[in-house]
Full PDB file with SEQRES, HELIX, SHEET, SSBOND, CRYST1, ORIGX, SCALE, CONECT and MASTER records, all heavy atoms in Angstrom:
SEQRES   1 A   34  ALA VAL PRO ILE LEU TYR GLU ILE GLY GLY ALA ILE LEU          
SEQRES   2 A   34  LEU TRP VAL VAL GLY ARG ILE VAL ILE GLY ALA ILE ARG          
SEQRES   3 A   34  ARG GLY VAL HIS ILE SER LEU GLU                              
HELIX    1 AA1 VAL A    2  LEU A   33  1                                  32    
CRYST1    1.000    1.000    1.000  90.00  90.00  90.00 P 1           1          
ORIGX1      1.000000  0.000000  0.000000        0.00000                         
ORIGX2      0.000000  1.000000  0.000000        0.00000                         
ORIGX3      0.000000  0.000000  1.000000        0.00000                         
SCALE1      1.000000  0.000000  0.000000        0.00000                         
SCALE2      0.000000  1.000000  0.000000        0.00000                         
SCALE3      0.000000  0.000000  1.000000        0.00000                         
ATOM      1  N   ALA A   1     -15.214 -26.569  80.526  1.00  0.00           N  
ATOM      2  CA  ALA A   1     -16.078 -26.776  79.361  1.00  0.00           C  
ATOM      3  C   ALA A   1     -17.291 -25.865  79.374  1.00  0.00           C  
ATOM      4  O   ALA A   1     -17.679 -25.302  78.340  1.00  0.00           O  
ATOM      5  CB  ALA A   1     -16.520 -28.240  79.279  1.00  0.00           C  
ATOM      6  N   VAL A   2     -17.895 -25.718  80.551  1.00  0.00           N  
ATOM      7  CA  VAL A   2     -19.113 -24.906  80.619  1.00  0.00           C  
ATOM      8  C   VAL A   2     -18.845 -23.456  80.232  1.00  0.00           C  
ATOM      9  O   VAL A   2     -19.583 -22.872  79.418  1.00  0.00           O  
ATOM     10  CB  VAL A   2     -19.741 -25.010  82.023  1.00  0.00           C  
ATOM     11  CG1 VAL A   2     -20.907 -24.024  82.164  1.00  0.00           C  
ATOM     12  CG2 VAL A   2     -20.238 -26.429  82.277  1.00  0.00           C  
ATOM     13  N   PRO A   3     -17.791 -22.805  80.754  1.00  0.00           N  
ATOM     14  CA  PRO A   3     -17.526 -21.423  80.297  1.00  0.00           C  
ATOM     15  C   PRO A   3     -17.257 -21.326  78.800  1.00  0.00           C  
ATOM     16  O   PRO A   3     -17.671 -20.370  78.142  1.00  0.00           O  
ATOM     17  CB  PRO A   3     -16.284 -21.026  81.109  1.00  0.00           C  
ATOM     18  CG  PRO A   3     -16.330 -21.882  82.322  1.00  0.00           C  
ATOM     19  CD  PRO A   3     -16.884 -23.200  81.850  1.00  0.00           C  
ATOM     20  N   ILE A   4     -16.556 -22.365  78.261  1.00  0.00           N  
ATOM     21  CA  ILE A   4     -16.287 -22.340  76.814  1.00  0.00           C  
ATOM     22  C   ILE A   4     -17.577 -22.435  76.028  1.00  0.00           C  
ATOM     23  O   ILE A   4     -17.779 -21.733  75.019  1.00  0.00           O  
ATOM     24  CB  ILE A   4     -15.321 -23.486  76.436  1.00  0.00           C  
ATOM     25  CG1 ILE A   4     -13.938 -23.227  77.031  1.00  0.00           C  
ATOM     26  CG2 ILE A   4     -15.227 -23.625  74.919  1.00  0.00           C  
ATOM     27  CD1 ILE A   4     -12.950 -24.352  76.796  1.00  0.00           C  
ATOM     28  N   LEU A   5     -18.485 -23.315  76.491  1.00  0.00           N  
ATOM     29  CA  LEU A   5     -19.775 -23.437  75.812  1.00  0.00           C  
ATOM     30  C   LEU A   5     -20.558 -22.138  75.900  1.00  0.00           C  
ATOM     31  O   LEU A   5     -21.219 -21.730  74.936  1.00  0.00           O  
ATOM     32  CB  LEU A   5     -20.583 -24.590  76.426  1.00  0.00           C  
ATOM     33  CG  LEU A   5     -20.045 -26.005  76.163  1.00  0.00           C  
ATOM     34  CD1 LEU A   5     -20.885 -27.036  76.898  1.00  0.00           C  
ATOM     35  CD2 LEU A   5     -20.044 -26.294  74.662  1.00  0.00           C  
ATOM     36  N   TYR A   6     -20.492 -21.492  77.055  1.00  0.00           N  
ATOM     37  CA  TYR A   6     -21.150 -20.195  77.191  1.00  0.00           C  
ATOM     38  C   TYR A   6     -20.555 -19.169  76.232  1.00  0.00           C  
ATOM     39  O   TYR A   6     -21.277 -18.368  75.621  1.00  0.00           O  
ATOM     40  CB  TYR A   6     -21.040 -19.695  78.638  1.00  0.00           C  
ATOM     41  CG  TYR A   6     -22.101 -20.241  79.559  1.00  0.00           C  
ATOM     42  CD1 TYR A   6     -21.751 -20.966  80.704  1.00  0.00           C  
ATOM     43  CD2 TYR A   6     -23.456 -20.030  79.290  1.00  0.00           C  
ATOM     44  CE1 TYR A   6     -22.721 -21.477  81.553  1.00  0.00           C  
ATOM     45  CE2 TYR A   6     -24.432 -20.529  80.126  1.00  0.00           C  
ATOM     46  CZ  TYR A   6     -24.060 -21.265  81.254  1.00  0.00           C  
ATOM     47  OH  TYR A   6     -25.034 -21.760  82.081  1.00  0.00           O  
ATOM     48  N   GLU A   7     -19.220 -19.200  76.111  1.00  0.00           N  
ATOM     49  CA  GLU A   7     -18.563 -18.258  75.201  1.00  0.00           C  
ATOM     50  C   GLU A   7     -18.964 -18.524  73.752  1.00  0.00           C  
ATOM     51  O   GLU A   7     -19.248 -17.585  72.996  1.00  0.00           O  
ATOM     52  CB  GLU A   7     -17.044 -18.366  75.366  1.00  0.00           C  
ATOM     53  CG  GLU A   7     -16.524 -17.812  76.680  1.00  0.00           C  
ATOM     54  CD  GLU A   7     -15.038 -18.000  76.820  1.00  0.00           C  
ATOM     55  OE1 GLU A   7     -14.437 -18.641  75.920  1.00  0.00           O  
ATOM     56  OE2 GLU A   7     -14.454 -17.532  77.818  1.00  0.00           O  
ATOM     57  N   ILE A   8     -18.988 -19.798  73.376  1.00  0.00           N  
ATOM     58  CA  ILE A   8     -19.376 -20.136  72.003  1.00  0.00           C  
ATOM     59  C   ILE A   8     -20.821 -19.736  71.736  1.00  0.00           C  
ATOM     60  O   ILE A   8     -21.149 -19.146  70.695  1.00  0.00           O  
ATOM     61  CB  ILE A   8     -19.175 -21.643  71.748  1.00  0.00           C  
ATOM     62  CG1 ILE A   8     -17.684 -21.992  71.806  1.00  0.00           C  
ATOM     63  CG2 ILE A   8     -19.759 -22.045  70.399  1.00  0.00           C  
ATOM     64  CD1 ILE A   8     -17.401 -23.477  71.680  1.00  0.00           C  
ATOM     65  N   GLY A   9     -21.707 -20.057  72.708  1.00  0.00           N  
ATOM     66  CA  GLY A   9     -23.114 -19.682  72.541  1.00  0.00           C  
ATOM     67  C   GLY A   9     -23.291 -18.174  72.469  1.00  0.00           C  
ATOM     68  O   GLY A   9     -24.068 -17.664  71.645  1.00  0.00           O  
ATOM     69  N   GLY A  10     -22.549 -17.448  73.346  1.00  0.00           N  
ATOM     70  CA  GLY A  10     -22.636 -15.985  73.313  1.00  0.00           C  
ATOM     71  C   GLY A  10     -22.112 -15.401  72.020  1.00  0.00           C  
ATOM     72  O   GLY A  10     -22.676 -14.440  71.474  1.00  0.00           O  
ATOM     73  N   ALA A  11     -21.027 -15.998  71.488  1.00  0.00           N  
ATOM     74  CA  ALA A  11     -20.458 -15.515  70.233  1.00  0.00           C  
ATOM     75  C   ALA A  11     -21.430 -15.742  69.067  1.00  0.00           C  
ATOM     76  O   ALA A  11     -21.618 -14.864  68.215  1.00  0.00           O  
ATOM     77  CB  ALA A  11     -19.133 -16.213  69.962  1.00  0.00           C  
ATOM     78  N   ILE A  12     -22.058 -16.927  69.034  1.00  0.00           N  
ATOM     79  CA  ILE A  12     -23.035 -17.212  67.973  1.00  0.00           C  
ATOM     80  C   ILE A  12     -24.220 -16.274  68.067  1.00  0.00           C  
ATOM     81  O   ILE A  12     -24.691 -15.721  67.051  1.00  0.00           O  
ATOM     82  CB  ILE A  12     -23.487 -18.683  68.050  1.00  0.00           C  
ATOM     83  CG1 ILE A  12     -22.317 -19.623  67.752  1.00  0.00           C  
ATOM     84  CG2 ILE A  12     -24.649 -18.947  67.092  1.00  0.00           C  
ATOM     85  CD1 ILE A  12     -22.634 -21.087  67.928  1.00  0.00           C  
ATOM     86  N   LEU A  13     -24.716 -16.071  69.295  1.00  0.00           N  
ATOM     87  CA  LEU A  13     -25.851 -15.166  69.482  1.00  0.00           C  
ATOM     88  C   LEU A  13     -25.491 -13.738  69.079  1.00  0.00           C  
ATOM     89  O   LEU A  13     -26.273 -13.050  68.398  1.00  0.00           O  
ATOM     90  CB  LEU A  13     -26.309 -15.206  70.942  1.00  0.00           C  
ATOM     91  CG  LEU A  13     -27.507 -14.314  71.301  1.00  0.00           C  
ATOM     92  CD1 LEU A  13     -28.744 -14.736  70.507  1.00  0.00           C  
ATOM     93  CD2 LEU A  13     -27.776 -14.364  72.802  1.00  0.00           C  
ATOM     94  N   LEU A  14     -24.296 -13.292  69.455  1.00  0.00           N  
ATOM     95  CA  LEU A  14     -23.859 -11.948  69.091  1.00  0.00           C  
ATOM     96  C   LEU A  14     -23.718 -11.806  67.581  1.00  0.00           C  
ATOM     97  O   LEU A  14     -24.106 -10.775  67.006  1.00  0.00           O  
ATOM     98  CB  LEU A  14     -22.526 -11.635  69.776  1.00  0.00           C  
ATOM     99  CG  LEU A  14     -21.902 -10.263  69.455  1.00  0.00           C  
ATOM    100  CD1 LEU A  14     -22.846  -9.137  69.880  1.00  0.00           C  
ATOM    101  CD2 LEU A  14     -20.546 -10.117  70.138  1.00  0.00           C  
ATOM    102  N   TRP A  15     -23.195 -12.834  66.937  1.00  0.00           N  
ATOM    103  CA  TRP A  15     -23.027 -12.771  65.480  1.00  0.00           C  
ATOM    104  C   TRP A  15     -24.379 -12.686  64.779  1.00  0.00           C  
ATOM    105  O   TRP A  15     -24.554 -11.873  63.867  1.00  0.00           O  
ATOM    106  CB  TRP A  15     -22.250 -13.986  64.994  1.00  0.00           C  
ATOM    107  CG  TRP A  15     -22.104 -14.035  63.508  1.00  0.00           C  
ATOM    108  CD1 TRP A  15     -22.837 -14.769  62.624  1.00  0.00           C  
ATOM    109  CD2 TRP A  15     -21.167 -13.287  62.723  1.00  0.00           C  
ATOM    110  NE1 TRP A  15     -22.427 -14.543  61.337  1.00  0.00           N  
ATOM    111  CE2 TRP A  15     -21.394 -13.632  61.358  1.00  0.00           C  
ATOM    112  CE3 TRP A  15     -20.157 -12.381  63.018  1.00  0.00           C  
ATOM    113  CZ2 TRP A  15     -20.653 -13.095  60.320  1.00  0.00           C  
ATOM    114  CZ3 TRP A  15     -19.416 -11.842  61.977  1.00  0.00           C  
ATOM    115  CH2 TRP A  15     -19.663 -12.190  60.654  1.00  0.00           C  
ATOM    116  N   VAL A  16     -25.334 -13.533  65.200  1.00  0.00           N  
ATOM    117  CA  VAL A  16     -26.655 -13.531  64.561  1.00  0.00           C  
ATOM    118  C   VAL A  16     -27.358 -12.202  64.774  1.00  0.00           C  
ATOM    119  O   VAL A  16     -27.878 -11.581  63.831  1.00  0.00           O  
ATOM    120  CB  VAL A  16     -27.504 -14.701  65.097  1.00  0.00           C  
ATOM    121  CG1 VAL A  16     -28.942 -14.596  64.571  1.00  0.00           C  
ATOM    122  CG2 VAL A  16     -26.900 -16.036  64.702  1.00  0.00           C  
ATOM    123  N   VAL A  17     -27.365 -11.744  66.026  1.00  0.00           N  
ATOM    124  CA  VAL A  17     -28.022 -10.463  66.324  1.00  0.00           C  
ATOM    125  C   VAL A  17     -27.301  -9.320  65.613  1.00  0.00           C  
ATOM    126  O   VAL A  17     -27.932  -8.400  65.073  1.00  0.00           O  
ATOM    127  CB  VAL A  17     -28.067 -10.224  67.844  1.00  0.00           C  
ATOM    128  CG1 VAL A  17     -28.609  -8.832  68.167  1.00  0.00           C  
ATOM    129  CG2 VAL A  17     -28.924 -11.286  68.523  1.00  0.00           C  
ATOM    130  N   GLY A  18     -25.958  -9.381  65.594  1.00  0.00           N  
ATOM    131  CA  GLY A  18     -25.194  -8.330  64.931  1.00  0.00           C  
ATOM    132  C   GLY A  18     -25.494  -8.250  63.449  1.00  0.00           C  
ATOM    133  O   GLY A  18     -25.638  -7.151  62.894  1.00  0.00           O  
ATOM    134  N   ARG A  19     -25.608  -9.403  62.774  1.00  0.00           N  
ATOM    135  CA  ARG A  19     -25.922  -9.393  61.341  1.00  0.00           C  
ATOM    136  C   ARG A  19     -27.313  -8.824  61.088  1.00  0.00           C  
ATOM    137  O   ARG A  19     -27.537  -8.106  60.105  1.00  0.00           O  
ATOM    138  CB  ARG A  19     -25.826 -10.816  60.779  1.00  0.00           C  
ATOM    139  CG  ARG A  19     -24.422 -11.396  60.777  1.00  0.00           C  
ATOM    140  CD  ARG A  19     -23.449 -10.547  59.991  1.00  0.00           C  
ATOM    141  NE  ARG A  19     -23.869 -10.378  58.601  1.00  0.00           N  
ATOM    142  CZ  ARG A  19     -23.293  -9.573  57.739  1.00  0.00           C  
ATOM    143  NH1 ARG A  19     -22.276  -8.821  58.125  1.00  0.00           N  
ATOM    144  NH2 ARG A  19     -23.722  -9.484  56.495  1.00  0.00           N  
ATOM    145  N   ILE A  20     -28.249  -9.141  61.970  1.00  0.00           N  
ATOM    146  CA  ILE A  20     -29.600  -8.587  61.831  1.00  0.00           C  
ATOM    147  C   ILE A  20     -29.570  -7.070  61.991  1.00  0.00           C  
ATOM    148  O   ILE A  20     -30.205  -6.320  61.233  1.00  0.00           O  
ATOM    149  CB  ILE A  20     -30.556  -9.232  62.848  1.00  0.00           C  
ATOM    150  CG1 ILE A  20     -30.719 -10.734  62.542  1.00  0.00           C  
ATOM    151  CG2 ILE A  20     -31.911  -8.535  62.834  1.00  0.00           C  
ATOM    152  CD1 ILE A  20     -31.530 -11.478  63.573  1.00  0.00           C  
ATOM    153  N   VAL A  21     -28.809  -6.610  62.997  1.00  0.00           N  
ATOM    154  CA  VAL A  21     -28.710  -5.161  63.236  1.00  0.00           C  
ATOM    155  C   VAL A  21     -28.030  -4.470  62.063  1.00  0.00           C  
ATOM    156  O   VAL A  21     -28.455  -3.389  61.620  1.00  0.00           O  
ATOM    157  CB  VAL A  21     -27.950  -4.891  64.554  1.00  0.00           C  
ATOM    158  CG1 VAL A  21     -27.674  -3.400  64.716  1.00  0.00           C  
ATOM    159  CG2 VAL A  21     -28.752  -5.411  65.735  1.00  0.00           C  
ATOM    160  N   ILE A  22     -26.957  -5.078  61.529  1.00  0.00           N  
ATOM    161  CA  ILE A  22     -26.263  -4.487  60.381  1.00  0.00           C  
ATOM    162  C   ILE A  22     -27.197  -4.382  59.182  1.00  0.00           C  
ATOM    163  O   ILE A  22     -27.222  -3.371  58.469  1.00  0.00           O  
ATOM    164  CB  ILE A  22     -25.006  -5.315  60.030  1.00  0.00           C  
ATOM    165  CG1 ILE A  22     -23.945  -5.154  61.124  1.00  0.00           C  
ATOM    166  CG2 ILE A  22     -24.433  -4.893  58.673  1.00  0.00           C  
ATOM    167  CD1 ILE A  22     -22.734  -6.044  60.934  1.00  0.00           C  
ATOM    168  N   GLY A  23     -27.986  -5.436  58.942  1.00  0.00           N  
ATOM    169  CA  GLY A  23     -28.953  -5.390  57.851  1.00  0.00           C  
ATOM    170  C   GLY A  23     -29.982  -4.291  58.039  1.00  0.00           C  
ATOM    171  O   GLY A  23     -30.346  -3.581  57.089  1.00  0.00           O  
ATOM    172  N   ALA A  24     -30.447  -4.121  59.294  1.00  0.00           N  
ATOM    173  CA  ALA A  24     -31.426  -3.072  59.564  1.00  0.00           C  
ATOM    174  C   ALA A  24     -30.810  -1.687  59.382  1.00  0.00           C  
ATOM    175  O   ALA A  24     -31.439  -0.775  58.832  1.00  0.00           O  
ATOM    176  CB  ALA A  24     -31.962  -3.230  60.988  1.00  0.00           C  
ATOM    177  N   ILE A  25     -29.552  -1.519  59.820  1.00  0.00           N  
ATOM    178  CA  ILE A  25     -28.868  -0.232  59.650  1.00  0.00           C  
ATOM    179  C   ILE A  25     -28.669   0.068  58.168  1.00  0.00           C  
ATOM    180  O   ILE A  25     -28.874   1.202  57.715  1.00  0.00           O  
ATOM    181  CB  ILE A  25     -27.526  -0.237  60.394  1.00  0.00           C  
ATOM    182  CG1 ILE A  25     -27.750  -0.297  61.908  1.00  0.00           C  
ATOM    183  CG2 ILE A  25     -26.699   0.991  60.032  1.00  0.00           C  
ATOM    184  CD1 ILE A  25     -26.479  -0.425  62.712  1.00  0.00           C  
ATOM    185  N   ARG A  26     -28.308  -0.954  57.410  1.00  0.00           N  
ATOM    186  CA  ARG A  26     -28.089  -0.753  55.976  1.00  0.00           C  
ATOM    187  C   ARG A  26     -29.383  -0.333  55.286  1.00  0.00           C  
ATOM    188  O   ARG A  26     -29.386   0.574  54.448  1.00  0.00           O  
ATOM    189  CB  ARG A  26     -27.546  -2.037  55.349  1.00  0.00           C  
ATOM    190  CG  ARG A  26     -27.188  -1.885  53.882  1.00  0.00           C  
ATOM    191  CD  ARG A  26     -26.430  -3.090  53.369  1.00  0.00           C  
ATOM    192  NE  ARG A  26     -26.070  -2.924  51.965  1.00  0.00           N  
ATOM    193  CZ  ARG A  26     -25.294  -3.749  51.298  1.00  0.00           C  
ATOM    194  NH1 ARG A  26     -24.786  -4.810  51.907  1.00  0.00           N  
ATOM    195  NH2 ARG A  26     -25.004  -3.530  50.024  1.00  0.00           N  
ATOM    196  N   ARG A  27     -30.473  -0.982  55.641  1.00  0.00           N  
ATOM    197  CA  ARG A  27     -31.762  -0.593  55.053  1.00  0.00           C  
ATOM    198  C   ARG A  27     -32.161   0.807  55.488  1.00  0.00           C  
ATOM    199  O   ARG A  27     -32.706   1.590  54.695  1.00  0.00           O  
ATOM    200  CB  ARG A  27     -32.836  -1.603  55.446  1.00  0.00           C  
ATOM    201  CG  ARG A  27     -32.690  -2.957  54.752  1.00  0.00           C  
ATOM    202  CD  ARG A  27     -33.916  -3.821  54.984  1.00  0.00           C  
ATOM    203  NE  ARG A  27     -34.068  -4.154  56.391  1.00  0.00           N  
ATOM    204  CZ  ARG A  27     -33.529  -5.221  56.968  1.00  0.00           C  
ATOM    205  NH1 ARG A  27     -32.793  -6.063  56.250  1.00  0.00           N  
ATOM    206  NH2 ARG A  27     -33.719  -5.471  58.247  1.00  0.00           N  
ATOM    207  N   GLY A  28     -31.892   1.133  56.756  1.00  0.00           N  
ATOM    208  CA  GLY A  28     -32.212   2.479  57.235  1.00  0.00           C  
ATOM    209  C   GLY A  28     -31.418   3.551  56.524  1.00  0.00           C  
ATOM    210  O   GLY A  28     -31.948   4.616  56.183  1.00  0.00           O  
ATOM    211  N   VAL A  29     -30.117   3.275  56.287  1.00  0.00           N  
ATOM    212  CA  VAL A  29     -29.282   4.224  55.546  1.00  0.00           C  
ATOM    213  C   VAL A  29     -29.801   4.396  54.128  1.00  0.00           C  
ATOM    214  O   VAL A  29     -29.877   5.526  53.602  1.00  0.00           O  
ATOM    215  CB  VAL A  29     -27.815   3.737  55.535  1.00  0.00           C  
ATOM    216  CG1 VAL A  29     -26.975   4.562  54.563  1.00  0.00           C  
ATOM    217  CG2 VAL A  29     -27.221   3.814  56.932  1.00  0.00           C  
ATOM    218  N   HIS A  30     -30.186   3.290  53.507  1.00  0.00           N  
ATOM    219  CA  HIS A  30     -30.708   3.355  52.136  1.00  0.00           C  
ATOM    220  C   HIS A  30     -31.972   4.210  52.065  1.00  0.00           C  
ATOM    221  O   HIS A  30     -32.102   5.087  51.200  1.00  0.00           O  
ATOM    222  CB  HIS A  30     -31.003   1.939  51.644  1.00  0.00           C  
ATOM    223  CG  HIS A  30     -31.499   1.889  50.230  1.00  0.00           C  
ATOM    224  ND1 HIS A  30     -30.650   1.830  49.153  1.00  0.00           N  
ATOM    225  CD2 HIS A  30     -32.768   1.914  49.715  1.00  0.00           C  
ATOM    226  CE1 HIS A  30     -31.357   1.807  48.043  1.00  0.00           C  
ATOM    227  NE2 HIS A  30     -32.644   1.856  48.353  1.00  0.00           N  
ATOM    228  N   ILE A  31     -32.906   3.970  52.985  1.00  0.00           N  
ATOM    229  CA  ILE A  31     -34.164   4.734  52.977  1.00  0.00           C  
ATOM    230  C   ILE A  31     -33.905   6.206  53.267  1.00  0.00           C  
ATOM    231  O   ILE A  31     -34.476   7.100  52.628  1.00  0.00           O  
ATOM    232  CB  ILE A  31     -35.146   4.140  54.009  1.00  0.00           C  
ATOM    233  CG1 ILE A  31     -35.551   2.719  53.587  1.00  0.00           C  
ATOM    234  CG2 ILE A  31     -36.382   5.017  54.153  1.00  0.00           C  
ATOM    235  CD1 ILE A  31     -36.376   1.983  54.622  1.00  0.00           C  
ATOM    236  N   SER A  32     -32.999   6.463  54.236  1.00  0.00           N  
ATOM    237  CA  SER A  32     -32.708   7.855  54.601  1.00  0.00           C  
ATOM    238  C   SER A  32     -32.074   8.619  53.446  1.00  0.00           C  
ATOM    239  O   SER A  32     -32.451   9.765  53.157  1.00  0.00           O  
ATOM    240  CB  SER A  32     -31.779   7.883  55.814  1.00  0.00           C  
ATOM    241  OG  SER A  32     -31.417   9.202  56.160  1.00  0.00           O  
ATOM    242  N   LEU A  33     -31.143   8.001  52.749  1.00  0.00           N  
ATOM    243  CA  LEU A  33     -30.483   8.673  51.626  1.00  0.00           C  
ATOM    244  C   LEU A  33     -31.431   8.839  50.443  1.00  0.00           C  
ATOM    245  O   LEU A  33     -31.349   9.836  49.716  1.00  0.00           O  
ATOM    246  CB  LEU A  33     -29.245   7.891  51.206  1.00  0.00           C  
ATOM    247  CG  LEU A  33     -28.107   7.816  52.240  1.00  0.00           C  
ATOM    248  CD1 LEU A  33     -26.956   6.977  51.716  1.00  0.00           C  
ATOM    249  CD2 LEU A  33     -27.619   9.217  52.605  1.00  0.00           C  
ATOM    250  N   GLU A  34     -32.306   7.877  50.234  1.00  0.00           N  
ATOM    251  CA  GLU A  34     -33.293   8.010  49.156  1.00  0.00           C  
ATOM    252  C   GLU A  34     -34.240   9.167  49.428  1.00  0.00           C  
ATOM    253  O   GLU A  34     -34.624   9.899  48.504  1.00  0.00           O  
ATOM    254  CB  GLU A  34     -34.082   6.711  48.996  1.00  0.00           C  
ATOM    255  CG  GLU A  34     -33.442   5.692  48.074  1.00  0.00           C  
ATOM    256  CD  GLU A  34     -34.384   4.578  47.716  1.00  0.00           C  
ATOM    257  OE1 GLU A  34     -35.392   4.370  48.436  1.00  0.00           O  
ATOM    258  OE2 GLU A  34     -34.131   3.890  46.705  1.00  0.00           O  
TER     259      GLU A  34                                                      
MASTER        0    0    0    1    0    0    0    6  258    1    0    3          
END                                                                             
């Protein structure tokens, strides 16, 4: 159970951080192209 909980927590953390990074990259691309 503990490794599974770690995996779930790591997956949630990766998803949240990944979405933030994707949003920042998208804004950076927009500013750079403008």
